[in-house]
PDB file of N, CA and C in Angstrom:
ATOM      1  N   UNK A   1     -97.497 -75.544  24.411  1.00  0.00           N
ATOM      2  CA  UNK A   1     -98.426 -75.230  23.654  1.00  0.00           C
ATOM      3  C   UNK A   1     -97.859 -74.789  22.588  1.00  0.00           C
ATOM      4  N   UNK A   2     -98.386 -75.260  21.192  1.00  0.00           N
ATOM      5  CA  UNK A   2     -97.986 -74.685  19.900  1.00  0.00           C
ATOM      6  C   UNK A   2     -99.595 -74.064  19.398  1.00  0.00           C
ATOM      7  N   UNK A   3     -99.396 -73.097  18.623  1.00  0.00           N
ATOM      8  CA  UNK A   3    -100.140 -71.997  18.186  1.00  0.00           C
ATOM      9  C   UNK A   3     -99.967 -71.864  16.323  1.00  0.00           C
ATOM     10  N   UNK A   4    -101.129 -71.608  15.963  1.00  0.00           N
ATOM     11  CA  UNK A   4    -101.301 -70.959  14.076  1.00  0.00           C
ATOM     12  C   UNK A   4    -102.164 -70.160  14.000  1.00  0.00           C
ATOM     13  N   UNK A   5    -102.197 -69.474  13.386  1.00  0.00           N
ATOM     14  CA  UNK A   5    -103.294 -68.726  12.653  1.00  0.00           C
ATOM     15  C   UNK A   5    -104.134 -68.854  11.603  1.00  0.00           C
ATOM     16  N   UNK A   6    -105.243 -69.150  11.500  1.00  0.00           N
ATOM     17  CA  UNK A   6    -106.078 -69.442  10.749  1.00  0.00           C
ATOM     18  C   UNK A   6    -107.107 -68.369  10.417  1.00  0.00           C
ATOM     19  N   UNK A   7    -107.854 -69.039   8.507  1.00  0.00           N
ATOM     20  CA  UNK A   7    -108.328 -68.553   8.055  1.00  0.00           C
ATOM     21  C   UNK A   7    -109.685 -68.774   7.910  1.00  0.00           C
ATOM     22  N   UNK A   8    -110.588 -68.713   8.729  1.00  0.00           N
ATOM     23  CA  UNK A   8    -112.150 -69.733   8.645  1.00  0.00           C
ATOM     24  C   UNK A   8    -112.904 -68.533   8.353  1.00  0.00           C
ATOM     25  N   UNK A   9    -113.218 -67.778   7.076  1.00  0.00           N
ATOM     26  CA  UNK A   9    -113.892 -66.961   6.302  1.00  0.00           C
ATOM     27  C   UNK A   9    -115.010 -67.749   6.046  1.00  0.00           C
ATOM     28  N   UNK A  10    -114.997 -68.746   5.800  1.00  0.00           N
ATOM     29  CA  UNK A  10    -116.862 -69.359   4.979  1.00  0.00           C
ATOM     30  C   UNK A  10    -117.348 -70.598   5.676  1.00  0.00           C
ATOM     31  N   UNK A  11    -118.399 -70.729   5.605  1.00  0.00           N
ATOM     32  CA  UNK A  11    -118.988 -71.852   6.336  1.00  0.00           C
ATOM     33  C   UNK A  11    -118.560 -73.240   6.007  1.00  0.00           C
ATOM     34  N   UNK A  12    -117.904 -73.224   4.428  1.00  0.00           N
ATOM     35  CA  UNK A  12    -117.330 -74.580   4.249  1.00  0.00           C
ATOM     36  C   UNK A  12    -116.049 -74.715   4.749  1.00  0.00           C
ATOM     37  N   UNK A  13    -115.246 -73.599   4.996  1.00  0.00           N
ATOM     38  CA  UNK A  13    -113.949 -73.672   5.997  1.00  0.00           C
ATOM     39  C   UNK A  13    -113.826 -74.149   7.284  1.00  0.00           C
ATOM     40  N   UNK A  14    -115.443 -73.877   7.936  1.00  0.00           N
ATOM     41  CA  UNK A  14    -115.302 -73.879   9.263  1.00  0.00           C
ATOM     42  C   UNK A  14    -115.752 -75.623   9.459  1.00  0.00           C
ATOM     43  N   UNK A  15    -116.701 -76.171   8.695  1.00  0.00           N
ATOM     44  CA  UNK A  15    -117.333 -77.647   8.649  1.00  0.00           C
ATOM     45  C   UNK A  15    -115.732 -78.191   8.071  1.00  0.00           C
ATOM     46  N   UNK A  16    -115.236 -77.853   7.348  1.00  0.00           N
ATOM     47  CA  UNK A  16    -113.455 -78.807   6.779  1.00  0.00           C
ATOM     48  C   UNK A  16    -113.074 -78.777   8.039  1.00  0.00           C
ATOM     49  N   UNK A  17    -112.933 -77.744   8.788  1.00  0.00           N
ATOM     50  CA  UNK A  17    -111.442 -77.511   9.738  1.00  0.00           C
ATOM     51  C   UNK A  17    -112.355 -78.187  10.926  1.00  0.00           C
ATOM     52  N   UNK A  18    -113.359 -78.346  11.573  1.00  0.00           N
ATOM     53  CA  UNK A  18    -113.840 -79.168  12.526  1.00  0.00           C
ATOM     54  C   UNK A  18    -114.007 -80.835  12.332  1.00  0.00           C
ATOM     55  N   UNK A  19    -114.428 -80.984  11.000  1.00  0.00           N
ATOM     56  CA  UNK A  19    -114.051 -82.456  10.446  1.00  0.00           C
ATOM     57  C   UNK A  19    -112.881 -82.843  10.475  1.00  0.00           C
ATOM     58  N   UNK A  20    -111.745 -81.985  10.311  1.00  0.00           N
ATOM     59  CA  UNK A  20    -110.593 -82.490  10.457  1.00  0.00           C
ATOM     60  C   UNK A  20    -109.595 -82.424  11.498  1.00  0.00           C
ATOM     61  N   UNK A  21    -110.170 -81.805  12.567  1.00  0.00           N
ATOM     62  CA  UNK A  21    -109.812 -81.705  14.072  1.00  0.00           C
ATOM     63  C   UNK A  21    -110.393 -82.592  14.592  1.00  0.00           C
ATOM     64  N   UNK A  22    -111.632 -83.177  14.779  1.00  0.00           N
ATOM     65  CA  UNK A  22    -112.621 -83.886  15.601  1.00  0.00           C
ATOM     66  C   UNK A  22    -111.774 -85.329  15.165  1.00  0.00           C
ATOM     67  N   UNK A  23    -111.153 -85.600  14.528  1.00  0.00           N
ATOM     68  CA  UNK A  23    -110.642 -86.894  14.671  1.00  0.00           C
ATOM     69  C   UNK A  23    -109.355 -87.173  15.284  1.00  0.00           C
ATOM     70  N   UNK A  24    -109.152 -86.224  16.150  1.00  0.00           N
ATOM     71  CA  UNK A  24    -107.661 -86.283  16.968  1.00  0.00           C
ATOM     72  C   UNK A  24    -108.106 -86.479  18.346  1.00  0.00           C
ATOM     73  N   UNK A  25    -107.466 -86.828  19.352  1.00  0.00           N
ATOM     74  CA  UNK A  25    -107.360 -86.666  20.658  1.00  0.00           C
ATOM     75  C   UNK A  25    -106.756 -85.999  21.146  1.00  0.00           C
ATOM     76  N   UNK A  26    -106.796 -85.052  22.388  1.00  0.00           N
ATOM     77  CA  UNK A  26    -106.766 -84.399  22.425  1.00  0.00           C
ATOM     78  C   UNK A  26    -107.312 -83.060  22.977  1.00  0.00           C
ATOM     79  N   UNK A  27    -106.771 -81.981  23.217  1.00  0.00           N
ATOM     80  CA  UNK A  27    -107.451 -80.582  23.681  1.00  0.00           C
ATOM     81  C   UNK A  27    -106.479 -79.215  22.793  1.00  0.00           C
ATOM     82  N   UNK A  28    -107.829 -78.918  22.065  1.00  0.00           N
ATOM     83  CA  UNK A  28    -107.397 -77.745  20.931  1.00  0.00           C
ATOM     84  C   UNK A  28    -108.486 -76.707  21.428  1.00  0.00           C
ATOM     85  N   UNK A  29    -107.849 -75.521  21.206  1.00  0.00           N
ATOM     86  CA  UNK A  29    -108.607 -74.247  21.371  1.00  0.00           C
ATOM     87  C   UNK A  29    -108.636 -73.497  20.439  1.00  0.00           C
ATOM     88  N   UNK A  30    -109.546 -72.413  19.469  1.00  0.00           N
ATOM     89  CA  UNK A  30    -109.373 -71.586  18.960  1.00  0.00           C
ATOM     90  C   UNK A  30    -110.185 -70.381  19.786  1.00  0.00           C
ATOM     91  N   UNK A  31    -109.024 -69.315  19.520  1.00  0.00           N
ATOM     92  CA  UNK A  31    -109.006 -67.786  20.075  1.00  0.00           C
ATOM     93  C   UNK A  31    -109.015 -66.720  19.252  1.00  0.00           C
ATOM     94  N   UNK A  32    -109.619 -65.926  19.972  1.00  0.00           N
ATOM     95  CA  UNK A  32    -109.703 -64.124  19.435  1.00  0.00           C
ATOM     96  C   UNK A  32    -109.971 -63.076  20.114  1.00  0.00           C
ATOM     97  N   UNK A  33    -108.746 -62.658  20.620  1.00  0.00           N
ATOM     98  CA  UNK A  33    -108.882 -61.866  21.737  1.00  0.00           C
ATOM     99  C   UNK A  33    -109.063 -62.095  23.180  1.00  0.00           C
ATOM    100  N   UNK A  34    -110.317 -61.827  23.800  1.00  0.00           N
ATOM    101  CA  UNK A  34    -109.935 -62.724  25.201  1.00  0.00           C
ATOM    102  C   UNK A  34    -110.779 -63.739  25.212  1.00  0.00           C
ATOM    103  N   UNK A  35    -111.697 -64.278  23.777  1.00  0.00           N
ATOM    104  CA  UNK A  35    -112.180 -65.272  23.603  1.00  0.00           C
ATOM    105  C   UNK A  35    -112.062 -66.598  23.233  1.00  0.00           C
ATOM    106  N   UNK A  36    -112.170 -67.579  24.074  1.00  0.00           N
ATOM    107  CA  UNK A  36    -111.583 -68.892  23.992  1.00  0.00           C
ATOM    108  C   UNK A  36    -112.678 -69.632  23.613  1.00  0.00           C
ATOM    109  N   UNK A  37    -112.522 -70.658  22.437  1.00  0.00           N
ATOM    110  CA  UNK A  37    -113.811 -72.036  22.489  1.00  0.00           C
ATOM    111  C   UNK A  37    -113.250 -73.222  22.105  1.00  0.00           C
ATOM    112  N   UNK A  38    -113.846 -74.367  22.406  1.00  0.00           N
ATOM    113  CA  UNK A  38    -113.159 -75.373  21.678  1.00  0.00           C
ATOM    114  C   UNK A  38    -113.225 -75.789  20.489  1.00  0.00           C
ATOM    115  N   UNK A  39    -111.958 -75.855  19.644  1.00  0.00           N
ATOM    116  CA  UNK A  39    -111.918 -76.220  18.681  1.00  0.00           C
ATOM    117  C   UNK A  39    -112.933 -77.150  17.827  1.00  0.00           C
ATOM    118  N   UNK A  40    -112.947 -78.076  18.499  1.00  0.00           N
ATOM    119  CA  UNK A  40    -113.966 -79.345  18.108  1.00  0.00           C
ATOM    120  C   UNK A  40    -115.408 -78.841  17.882  1.00  0.00           C
ATOM    121  N   UNK A  41    -115.826 -77.416  18.653  1.00  0.00           N
ATOM    122  CA  UNK A  41    -116.903 -77.088  18.923  1.00  0.00           C
ATOM    123  C   UNK A  41    -117.620 -75.988  17.347  1.00  0.00           C
ATOM    124  N   UNK A  42    -118.173 -76.585  16.307  1.00  0.00           N
ATOM    125  CA  UNK A  42    -119.029 -75.732  15.290  1.00  0.00           C
ATOM    126  C   UNK A  42    -119.780 -74.593  15.722  1.00  0.00           C
ATOM    127  N   UNK A  43    -120.270 -75.031  16.715  1.00  0.00           N
ATOM    128  CA  UNK A  43    -121.108 -73.906  16.710  1.00  0.00           C
ATOM    129  C   UNK A  43    -120.388 -72.765  18.057  1.00  0.00           C
ATOM    130  N   UNK A  44    -119.357 -73.398  18.813  1.00  0.00           N
ATOM    131  CA  UNK A  44    -118.453 -71.834  19.641  1.00  0.00           C
ATOM    132  C   UNK A  44    -117.922 -71.380  18.534  1.00  0.00           C
ATOM    133  N   UNK A  45    -117.347 -72.212  17.424  1.00  0.00           N
ATOM    134  CA  UNK A  45    -116.927 -71.330  15.687  1.00  0.00           C
ATOM    135  C   UNK A  45    -117.270 -70.246  15.443  1.00  0.00           C
ATOM    136  N   UNK A  46    -118.833 -70.728  15.003  1.00  0.00           N
ATOM    137  CA  UNK A  46    -119.564 -69.672  14.412  1.00  0.00           C
ATOM    138  C   UNK A  46    -120.041 -68.628  15.287  1.00  0.00           C
ATOM    139  N   UNK A  47    -119.707 -68.768  16.460  1.00  0.00           N
ATOM    140  CA  UNK A  47    -120.172 -67.483  17.581  1.00  0.00           C
ATOM    141  C   UNK A  47    -119.229 -66.582  17.546  1.00  0.00           C
ATOM    142  N   UNK A  48    -117.846 -67.149  16.802  1.00  0.00           N
ATOM    143  CA  UNK A  48    -116.711 -65.955  16.578  1.00  0.00           C
ATOM    144  C   UNK A  48    -116.769 -65.135  15.177  1.00  0.00           C
ATOM    145  N   UNK A  49    -116.074 -63.822  15.914  1.00  0.00           N
ATOM    146  CA  UNK A  49    -115.887 -63.456  14.350  1.00  0.00           C
ATOM    147  C   UNK A  49    -114.965 -63.655  13.726  1.00  0.00           C
ATOM    148  N   UNK A  50    -115.629 -64.522  12.111  1.00  0.00           N
ATOM    149  CA  UNK A  50    -114.959 -65.075  11.671  1.00  0.00           C
ATOM    150  C   UNK A  50    -114.122 -64.398  10.085  1.00  0.00           C
ATOM    151  N   UNK A  51    -114.519 -62.786  10.399  1.00  0.00           N
ATOM    152  CA  UNK A  51    -114.165 -62.333   9.253  1.00  0.00           C
ATOM    153  C   UNK A  51    -112.219 -62.028   9.677  1.00  0.00           C
ATOM    154  N   UNK A  52    -111.960 -61.992  10.754  1.00  0.00           N
ATOM    155  CA  UNK A  52    -110.500 -62.045  10.976  1.00  0.00           C
ATOM    156  C   UNK A  52    -109.860 -63.533  11.017  1.00  0.00           C
ATOM    157  N   UNK A  53    -108.451 -62.992  11.631  1.00  0.00           N
ATOM    158  CA  UNK A  53    -107.577 -64.432  11.295  1.00  0.00           C
ATOM    159  C   UNK A  53    -107.989 -64.910  12.979  1.00  0.00           C
ATOM    160  N   UNK A  54    -108.046 -66.137  13.463  1.00  0.00           N
ATOM    161  CA  UNK A  54    -108.217 -66.484  14.951  1.00  0.00           C
ATOM    162  C   UNK A  54    -107.357 -67.521  14.922  1.00  0.00           C
ATOM    163  N   UNK A  55    -106.739 -67.723  16.484  1.00  0.00           N
ATOM    164  CA  UNK A  55    -105.215 -68.403  16.643  1.00  0.00           C
ATOM    165  C   UNK A  55    -106.162 -69.752  17.045  1.00  0.00           C
ATOM    166  N   UNK A  56    -105.445 -70.947  16.147  1.00  0.00           N
ATOM    167  CA  UNK A  56    -105.497 -72.203  16.623  1.00  0.00           C
ATOM    168  C   UNK A  56    -104.371 -72.620  17.699  1.00  0.00           C
ATOM    169  N   UNK A  57    -105.077 -73.024  19.199  1.00  0.00           N
ATOM    170  CA  UNK A  57    -103.760 -73.850  20.015  1.00  0.00           C
ATOM    171  C   UNK A  57    -104.046 -74.830  20.004  1.00  0.00           C
ATOM    172  N   UNK A  58    -102.821 -75.615  19.926  1.00  0.00           N
ATOM    173  CA  UNK A  58    -102.347 -77.411  20.422  1.00  0.00           C
ATOM    174  C   UNK A  58    -102.212 -77.506  21.686  1.00  0.00           C
ATOM    175  N   UNK A  59    -103.193 -77.849  23.097  1.00  0.00           N
ATOM    176  CA  UNK A  59    -102.887 -77.711  24.284  1.00  0.00           C
ATOM    177  C   UNK A  59    -102.308 -79.210  24.574  1.00  0.00           C
ATOM    178  N   UNK A  60    -102.839 -80.058  24.218  1.00  0.00           N
ATOM    179  CA  UNK A  60    -102.406 -81.485  24.571  1.00  0.00           C
ATOM    180  C   UNK A  60    -103.378 -82.090  23.838  1.00  0.00           C
ATOM    181  N   UNK A  61    -102.138 -83.642  22.909  1.00  0.00           N
ATOM    182  CA  UNK A  61    -102.449 -84.427  21.975  1.00  0.00           C
ATOM    183  C   UNK A  61    -101.699 -85.749  22.355  1.00  0.00           C
ATOM    184  N   UNK A  62    -102.140 -86.695  22.126  1.00  0.00           N
ATOM    185  CA  UNK A  62    -101.201 -87.955  22.132  1.00  0.00           C
ATOM    186  C   UNK A  62    -100.968 -88.030  20.555  1.00  0.00           C
ATOM    187  N   UNK A  63    -101.018 -87.313  20.008  1.00  0.00           N
ATOM    188  CA  UNK A  63    -100.804 -87.739  18.422  1.00  0.00           C
ATOM    189  C   UNK A  63     -99.691 -86.858  17.790  1.00  0.00           C
ATOM    190  N   UNK A  64     -98.991 -87.077  17.138  1.00  0.00           N
ATOM    191  CA  UNK A  64     -97.821 -86.119  16.241  1.00  0.00           C
ATOM    192  C   UNK A  64     -98.388 -84.871  15.976  1.00  0.00           C
ATOM    193  N   UNK A  65     -97.575 -83.687  16.618  1.00  0.00           N
ATOM    194  CA  UNK A  65     -97.681 -82.268  15.961  1.00  0.00           C
ATOM    195  C   UNK A  65     -98.123 -82.568  14.251  1.00  0.00           C
ATOM    196  N   UNK A  66     -96.914 -83.053  13.869  1.00  0.00           N
ATOM    197  CA  UNK A  66     -96.985 -83.352  12.471  1.00  0.00           C
ATOM    198  C   UNK A  66     -98.455 -83.760  11.353  1.00  0.00           C
ATOM    199  N   UNK A  67     -98.864 -84.803  12.222  1.00  0.00           N
ATOM    200  CA  UNK A  67    -100.205 -85.504  11.661  1.00  0.00           C
ATOM    201  C   UNK A  67    -101.198 -83.769  11.612  1.00  0.00           C
ATOM    202  N   UNK A  68    -101.140 -83.187  12.834  1.00  0.00           N
ATOM    203  CA  UNK A  68    -102.477 -82.453  12.978  1.00  0.00           C
ATOM    204  C   UNK A  68    -102.056 -81.206  12.166  1.00  0.00           C
ATOM    205  N   UNK A  69    -100.541 -80.736  12.365  1.00  0.00           N
ATOM    206  CA  UNK A  69    -100.645 -79.563  11.304  1.00  0.00           C
ATOM    207  C   UNK A  69    -100.874 -79.794   9.809  1.00  0.00           C
ATOM    208  N   UNK A  70    -100.607 -81.250   9.590  1.00  0.00           N
ATOM    209  CA  UNK A  70    -101.385 -81.470   8.053  1.00  0.00           C
ATOM    210  C   UNK A  70    -102.738 -81.519   7.919  1.00  0.00           C
ATOM    211  N   UNK A  71    -103.488 -81.777   8.864  1.00  0.00           N
ATOM    212  CA  UNK A  71    -104.733 -81.945   8.885  1.00  0.00           C
ATOM    213  C   UNK A  71    -105.310 -80.463   8.662  1.00  0.00           C
ATOM    214  N   UNK A  72    -104.377 -79.428   9.433  1.00  0.00           N
ATOM    215  CA  UNK A  72    -105.212 -77.938   8.922  1.00  0.00           C
ATOM    216  C   UNK A  72    -104.742 -77.109   8.023  1.00  0.00           C
ATOM    217  N   UNK A  73    -103.676 -77.890   7.393  1.00  0.00           N
ATOM    218  CA  UNK A  73    -102.781 -77.066   6.835  1.00  0.00           C
ATOM    219  C   UNK A  73    -103.288 -76.123   5.366  1.00  0.00           C
ATOM    220  N   UNK A  74    -104.964 -76.739   4.832  1.00  0.00           N
ATOM    221  CA  UNK A  74    -105.616 -76.142   4.258  1.00  0.00           C
ATOM    222  C   UNK A  74    -106.242 -74.594   4.541  1.00  0.00           C
ATOM    223  N   UNK A  75    -106.366 -74.612   5.685  1.00  0.00           N
ATOM    224  CA  UNK A  75    -106.887 -73.359   7.311  1.00  0.00           C
ATOM    225  C   UNK A  75    -105.609 -72.558   7.619  1.00  0.00           C
ATOM    226  N   UNK A  76    -104.738 -72.858   7.057  1.00  0.00           N
ATOM    227  CA  UNK A  76    -103.651 -71.519   7.824  1.00  0.00           C
ATOM    228  C   UNK A  76    -103.642 -70.418   7.288  1.00  0.00           C
ATOM    229  N   UNK A  77    -103.639 -69.426   7.964  1.00  0.00           N
ATOM    230  CA  UNK A  77    -103.641 -67.814   7.143  1.00  0.00           C
ATOM    231  C   UNK A  77    -102.417 -67.793   6.775  1.00  0.00           C
TER     232      UNK A  77
END
């Protein structure tokens, strides 16, 4: 598992992040505290407190990690 801190403090950032991550096969989570949602779920992400930094977790993917990192780079905290 690899983790990153994200800053998704606007509607545009959430939409862009979901669009970027949904093209990858694999399992990705977003977490804040004990609350965890699927990173590809725009509704799940909007249910979180986005005023704070959130944790992005790559649980499993067949893609190169560097490809995922490049896609999420604009959203890193």
